[in-house]
Amino acid sequence: MRRTPRFQVVALSALCLGAAAAFQPARPQDPVVAHATIEPSLPLSIGLKVTPADRVHGEPARLEVALQAETDISDLDLSLVLPEGLRSDDAPGGRMPQPGALRRGEGRAYSVALAPLKDGDLPIKAEASFRLPDGRTFHLGQGILWKRGPAASEGRHHAGAFEVMGVPVDEPQP
């Protein structure tokens, strides 16, 4: 009879160890993420900047267009989309001087005089189409809003309150 209690003690110990191993605290698991895709950057970047008119020297406002190629580009065609109320004699019909091709890392800069025909903010867009060495063609654009007139005040914080300066009613509103 002595063998039976010893056998029970060993069996009971093995069962308890097995149960303890099965009930361990949960481990944090990494969240399941679908395959992430990383979008490639465009092979051409277009930078736009409007410089205000210099009335002292009689210079008009100018649109500065900067192109930067990330890879070799051929058949580059650049044009401007000007809104009604804005014209440019430097780019008749929106056509810009054609760079034709840009090598990797090469950049070009253009400056175009702007003549506004009406008041208010004017959206300007530059569009480019080009071909890569592997035969793919791209058409992309970059826009800017030419904000004309005095800039609104930024406002100030006073002891937790926000103050914005008022504009007299007799001044034109944007």
Foldseek 3Di string as FASTA:
>chain_A
DVVVVVVVVVVVVVVVVVVVVVDDDDDDDDDDDDDDDDDDDDQKDKDWDWDCADVVVRGAIKIKIKMFGQAKWFQKFKFKDWDPQKDFPQHVVRGHPGPGIDHHGDMDMDMTGMDGRDDAKTKMKMWIWIAHPVGDIDIDMDMDIHGDDDDFDPFDDDPNDTGGDDDDPVDDDD
